Amino acid sequence: MPKPYEDETKEEFISRCISYMEENEKDQFPTREQRIAVCYSYWENKHKEKKEDSPKSLMEHILNMIRLK
C-alpha cells in the first residue's frame, strides 16, 4: 500500500494511491469506492502515530466511511 510522502500534496497522493489500488488491490477491495476510501484514510491518518495505523483501526475507519455514503 502506498504511503504519503512528506512533501506530497493531497491530490498527488490520492491520484498515486488510486492508480496503485486499481492495479494491485482489486481482489482485496473489489469496488472503486472501497479503494478510494482506503486512499483517503491513509491520507487522513498520515500524521498519526504508527500504533494508530494498525490494519484493524484502518479497516474500521474504512467501513465507517463506506457506511456514511
Protein backbone atom coordinates (compact mmCIF):
# COMPACT_ATOMS: atom_id res chain seq x y z
CA MET A 1 0.00 0.00 0.00
CA PRO A 2 1.35 3.41 -0.81
CA LYS A 3 2.00 5.87 1.99
CA PRO A 4 2.01 9.66 1.58
CA TYR A 5 5.40 11.25 1.00
CA GLU A 6 6.31 14.13 3.30
CA ASP A 7 6.19 16.77 0.54
CA GLU A 8 3.29 15.25 -1.41
CA THR A 9 0.03 17.17 -1.80
CA LYS A 10 -3.30 15.54 -1.08
CA GLU A 11 -4.20 15.50 -4.78
CA GLU A 12 -0.87 13.94 -5.75
CA PHE A 13 -1.13 11.23 -3.14
CA ILE A 14 -4.78 10.35 -3.82
CA SER A 15 -4.05 10.09 -7.55
CA ARG A 16 -0.99 7.89 -6.99
CA CYS A 17 -2.77 5.77 -4.41
CA ILE A 18 -5.86 5.16 -6.55
CA SER A 19 -3.66 4.18 -9.51
CA TYR A 20 -1.80 1.72 -7.29
CA MET A 21 -5.03 0.33 -5.82
CA GLU A 22 -6.60 -0.11 -9.28
CA GLU A 23 -3.62 -2.16 -10.42
CA ASN A 24 -2.82 -4.12 -7.26
CA GLU A 25 -5.70 -4.31 -4.79
CA LYS A 26 -8.88 -5.12 -6.73
CA ASP A 27 -9.11 -8.54 -5.10
CA GLN A 28 -8.93 -7.16 -1.56
CA PHE A 29 -11.09 -4.09 -2.27
CA PRO A 30 -13.48 -5.06 -5.09
CA THR A 31 -15.31 -1.74 -5.50
CA ARG A 32 -13.83 1.56 -6.61
CA GLU A 33 -15.49 3.24 -3.62
CA GLN A 34 -13.59 0.96 -1.24
CA ARG A 35 -10.28 1.67 -2.95
CA ILE A 36 -10.91 5.42 -2.83
CA ALA A 37 -11.87 5.19 0.86
CA VAL A 38 -8.61 3.39 1.63
CA CYS A 39 -6.59 6.13 -0.07
CA TYR A 40 -8.40 8.92 1.77
CA SER A 41 -7.97 7.03 5.04
CA TYR A 42 -4.24 6.77 4.50
CA TRP A 43 -4.07 10.50 3.76
CA GLU A 44 -6.11 11.41 6.85
CA ASN A 45 -4.01 9.18 9.09
CA LYS A 46 -0.61 10.22 7.76
CA HIS A 47 0.33 12.24 10.87
CA LYS A 48 -0.95 9.78 13.45
CA GLU A 49 1.39 7.51 15.36
CA LYS A 50 2.09 4.16 13.78
CA LYS A 51 0.27 2.29 16.53
CA GLU A 52 -2.93 4.01 15.42
CA ASP A 53 -2.31 2.92 11.83
CA SER A 54 -2.94 -0.73 12.62
CA PRO A 55 -4.79 -2.70 9.95
CA LYS A 56 -7.74 -3.21 12.31
CA SER A 57 -8.21 0.51 13.06
CA LEU A 58 -7.76 1.37 9.39
CA MET A 59 -10.35 -1.17 8.31
CA GLU A 60 -12.80 0.12 10.95
CA HIS A 61 -12.31 3.64 9.60
CA ILE A 62 -12.88 2.48 6.02
CA LEU A 63 -16.05 0.63 6.94
CA ASN A 64 -17.36 3.71 8.76
CA MET A 65 -16.66 5.88 5.71
CA ILE A 66 -18.48 3.44 3.42
CA ARG A 67 -21.49 3.30 5.76
CA LEU A 68 -21.78 7.10 5.70
CA LYS A 69 -22.38 7.15 1.93
